[in-house]
Amino acid sequence: MDTERETRLEEQIAHLTKTVEELSDVIARQDAELSKLAHRVQVLMAREAEREAAGSGGVILGDERPPHY
């Protein structure tokens, strides 16, 4: 095999390996962020369910004054 061709192929392999490692890091960060966001959504859904069950929906209709007046 031609030495110049081998060198070019080795450079391409090194570049591709680096790209795969960088993409793997990005995916790992996104997975962690998605897990954190999913947990936050679960917490917010639980809070909203508790508020609805308590009957304090917090929706003000028309000219109704909020409870803090």
N, C-alpha and C. Protein backbone atom coordinates (compact mmCIF):
# COMPACT_ATOMS: atom_id res chain seq x y z
N MET A 1 0.84 -1.17 0.00
CA MET A 1 0.00 0.00 0.00
C MET A 1 0.89 1.24 0.00
N ASP A 2 0.44 2.25 -0.63
CA ASP A 2 1.16 3.50 -0.75
C ASP A 2 1.23 4.20 0.62
N THR A 3 2.39 4.69 1.01
CA THR A 3 2.58 5.32 2.32
C THR A 3 1.71 6.57 2.47
N GLU A 4 1.62 7.35 1.42
CA GLU A 4 0.79 8.56 1.46
C GLU A 4 -0.68 8.22 1.67
N ARG A 5 -1.13 7.18 1.02
CA ARG A 5 -2.52 6.74 1.17
C ARG A 5 -2.76 6.23 2.58
N GLU A 6 -1.82 5.48 3.13
CA GLU A 6 -1.95 4.98 4.51
C GLU A 6 -2.04 6.14 5.49
N THR A 7 -1.20 7.13 5.28
CA THR A 7 -1.22 8.31 6.16
C THR A 7 -2.56 9.02 6.09
N ARG A 8 -3.08 9.19 4.87
CA ARG A 8 -4.37 9.85 4.70
C ARG A 8 -5.49 9.06 5.38
N LEU A 9 -5.46 7.76 5.24
CA LEU A 9 -6.48 6.91 5.87
C LEU A 9 -6.38 6.96 7.40
N GLU A 10 -5.17 6.96 7.92
CA GLU A 10 -4.98 7.06 9.37
C GLU A 10 -5.50 8.39 9.90
N GLU A 11 -5.27 9.47 9.13
CA GLU A 11 -5.79 10.78 9.54
C GLU A 11 -7.31 10.79 9.54
N GLN A 12 -7.90 10.18 8.52
CA GLN A 12 -9.37 10.11 8.47
C GLN A 12 -9.92 9.30 9.63
N ILE A 13 -9.28 8.20 9.94
CA ILE A 13 -9.73 7.36 11.06
C ILE A 13 -9.62 8.14 12.37
N ALA A 14 -8.51 8.87 12.55
CA ALA A 14 -8.34 9.67 13.77
C ALA A 14 -9.42 10.74 13.87
N HIS A 15 -9.70 11.38 12.76
CA HIS A 15 -10.74 12.42 12.74
C HIS A 15 -12.11 11.81 13.07
N LEU A 16 -12.44 10.70 12.45
CA LEU A 16 -13.72 10.05 12.70
C LEU A 16 -13.84 9.56 14.14
N THR A 17 -12.74 9.05 14.68
CA THR A 17 -12.75 8.60 16.08
C THR A 17 -13.01 9.77 17.01
N LYS A 18 -12.35 10.90 16.75
CA LYS A 18 -12.56 12.10 17.57
C LYS A 18 -14.01 12.58 17.47
N THR A 19 -14.56 12.56 16.27
CA THR A 19 -15.95 12.99 16.07
C THR A 19 -16.91 12.08 16.82
N VAL A 20 -16.69 10.79 16.77
CA VAL A 20 -17.56 9.84 17.47
C VAL A 20 -17.49 10.08 18.98
N GLU A 21 -16.30 10.32 19.52
CA GLU A 21 -16.16 10.59 20.95
C GLU A 21 -16.86 11.88 21.34
N GLU A 22 -16.74 12.93 20.51
CA GLU A 22 -17.41 14.19 20.80
C GLU A 22 -18.92 14.02 20.78
N LEU A 23 -19.43 13.29 19.79
CA LEU A 23 -20.87 13.05 19.70
C LEU A 23 -21.37 12.22 20.88
N SER A 24 -20.56 11.28 21.32
CA SER A 24 -20.92 10.48 22.48
C SER A 24 -21.04 11.35 23.72
N ASP A 25 -20.12 12.30 23.88
CA ASP A 25 -20.18 13.23 25.02
C ASP A 25 -21.44 14.09 24.95
N VAL A 26 -21.77 14.56 23.76
CA VAL A 26 -22.97 15.38 23.59
C VAL A 26 -24.22 14.57 23.96
N ILE A 27 -24.28 13.34 23.50
CA ILE A 27 -25.44 12.49 23.80
C ILE A 27 -25.54 12.23 25.30
N ALA A 28 -24.40 12.01 25.96
CA ALA A 28 -24.42 11.77 27.41
C ALA A 28 -24.93 13.00 28.15
N ARG A 29 -24.49 14.20 27.74
CA ARG A 29 -24.98 15.43 28.38
C ARG A 29 -26.47 15.62 28.14
N GLN A 30 -26.92 15.36 26.92
CA GLN A 30 -28.34 15.51 26.61
C GLN A 30 -29.18 14.51 27.38
N ASP A 31 -28.69 13.30 27.56
CA ASP A 31 -29.41 12.30 28.33
C ASP A 31 -29.57 12.74 29.78
N ALA A 32 -28.50 13.29 30.35
CA ALA A 32 -28.57 13.78 31.73
C ALA A 32 -29.55 14.93 31.84
N GLU A 33 -29.52 15.84 30.88
CA GLU A 33 -30.43 16.98 30.91
C GLU A 33 -31.87 16.54 30.73
N LEU A 34 -32.12 15.60 29.84
CA LEU A 34 -33.48 15.08 29.65
C LEU A 34 -34.00 14.39 30.91
N SER A 35 -33.13 13.66 31.58
CA SER A 35 -33.54 13.00 32.83
C SER A 35 -33.92 14.03 33.88
N LYS A 36 -33.11 15.08 33.98
CA LYS A 36 -33.39 16.14 34.96
C LYS A 36 -34.70 16.85 34.62
N LEU A 37 -34.92 17.15 33.35
CA LEU A 37 -36.15 17.81 32.95
C LEU A 37 -37.37 16.92 33.14
N ALA A 38 -37.24 15.64 32.87
CA ALA A 38 -38.35 14.71 33.08
C ALA A 38 -38.72 14.66 34.56
N HIS A 39 -37.72 14.68 35.43
CA HIS A 39 -37.98 14.68 36.87
C HIS A 39 -38.72 15.96 37.27
N ARG A 40 -38.28 17.10 36.73
CA ARG A 40 -38.95 18.37 37.05
C ARG A 40 -40.40 18.35 36.59
N VAL A 41 -40.65 17.80 35.41
CA VAL A 41 -42.03 17.73 34.91
C VAL A 41 -42.87 16.86 35.84
N GLN A 42 -42.31 15.74 36.31
CA GLN A 42 -43.05 14.87 37.24
C GLN A 42 -43.39 15.62 38.52
N VAL A 43 -42.43 16.38 39.05
CA VAL A 43 -42.67 17.14 40.27
C VAL A 43 -43.77 18.17 40.04
N LEU A 44 -43.71 18.89 38.92
CA LEU A 44 -44.73 19.89 38.63
C LEU A 44 -46.10 19.26 38.42
N MET A 45 -46.15 18.11 37.76
CA MET A 45 -47.43 17.42 37.57
C MET A 45 -48.01 16.98 38.91
N ALA A 46 -47.16 16.49 39.79
CA ALA A 46 -47.63 16.08 41.12
C ALA A 46 -48.16 17.27 41.90
N ARG A 47 -47.44 18.40 41.84
CA ARG A 47 -47.91 19.61 42.53
C ARG A 47 -49.26 20.06 41.99
N GLU A 48 -49.41 20.05 40.67
CA GLU A 48 -50.67 20.48 40.07
C GLU A 48 -51.80 19.53 40.45
N ALA A 49 -51.52 18.23 40.48
CA ALA A 49 -52.54 17.27 40.89
C ALA A 49 -52.95 17.50 42.33
N GLU A 50 -51.99 17.80 43.21
CA GLU A 50 -52.31 18.10 44.62
C GLU A 50 -53.15 19.36 44.72
N ARG A 51 -52.80 20.37 43.92
CA ARG A 51 -53.56 21.63 43.98
C ARG A 51 -54.97 21.43 43.48
N GLU A 52 -55.14 20.65 42.41
CA GLU A 52 -56.48 20.38 41.90
C GLU A 52 -57.30 19.57 42.90
N ALA A 53 -56.65 18.62 43.57
CA ALA A 53 -57.35 17.80 44.55
C ALA A 53 -57.78 18.63 45.75
N ALA A 54 -57.00 19.64 46.09
CA ALA A 54 -57.33 20.51 47.22
C ALA A 54 -58.42 21.51 46.85
N GLY A 55 -58.72 21.63 45.56
CA GLY A 55 -59.79 22.53 45.15
C GLY A 55 -59.33 23.96 44.98
N SER A 56 -58.06 24.22 45.07
CA SER A 56 -57.57 25.59 44.89
C SER A 56 -56.86 25.67 43.54
N GLY A 57 -57.65 25.60 42.49
CA GLY A 57 -57.12 25.61 41.13
C GLY A 57 -56.35 26.86 40.79
N GLY A 58 -56.63 27.94 41.47
CA GLY A 58 -55.88 29.16 41.24
C GLY A 58 -56.33 29.93 40.01
N VAL A 59 -57.47 29.57 39.42
CA VAL A 59 -57.96 30.29 38.25
C VAL A 59 -58.93 31.36 38.70
N ILE A 60 -58.68 32.59 38.26
CA ILE A 60 -59.55 33.71 38.61
C ILE A 60 -60.46 33.97 37.42
N LEU A 61 -61.77 33.94 37.65
CA LEU A 61 -62.72 34.13 36.58
C LEU A 61 -63.35 35.51 36.67
N GLY A 62 -63.37 36.22 35.55
CA GLY A 62 -64.06 37.51 35.47
C GLY A 62 -63.53 38.53 36.46
N ASP A 63 -64.48 39.13 37.22
CA ASP A 63 -64.13 40.18 38.18
C ASP A 63 -63.87 39.64 39.57
N GLU A 64 -63.75 38.35 39.70
CA GLU A 64 -63.50 37.72 40.98
C GLU A 64 -62.14 38.16 41.52
N ARG A 65 -62.11 38.56 42.77
CA ARG A 65 -60.86 38.99 43.38
C ARG A 65 -60.04 37.79 43.85
N PRO A 66 -58.73 37.87 43.69
CA PRO A 66 -57.88 36.79 44.20
C PRO A 66 -57.99 36.68 45.71
N PRO A 67 -57.68 35.54 46.28
CA PRO A 67 -57.87 35.32 47.72
C PRO A 67 -56.98 36.21 48.60
N HIS A 68 -55.95 36.81 48.09
CA HIS A 68 -55.08 37.61 48.93
C HIS A 68 -55.59 39.04 49.13
N TYR A 69 -56.75 39.43 48.51
CA TYR A 69 -57.32 40.77 48.75
C TYR A 69 -58.17 40.79 49.96
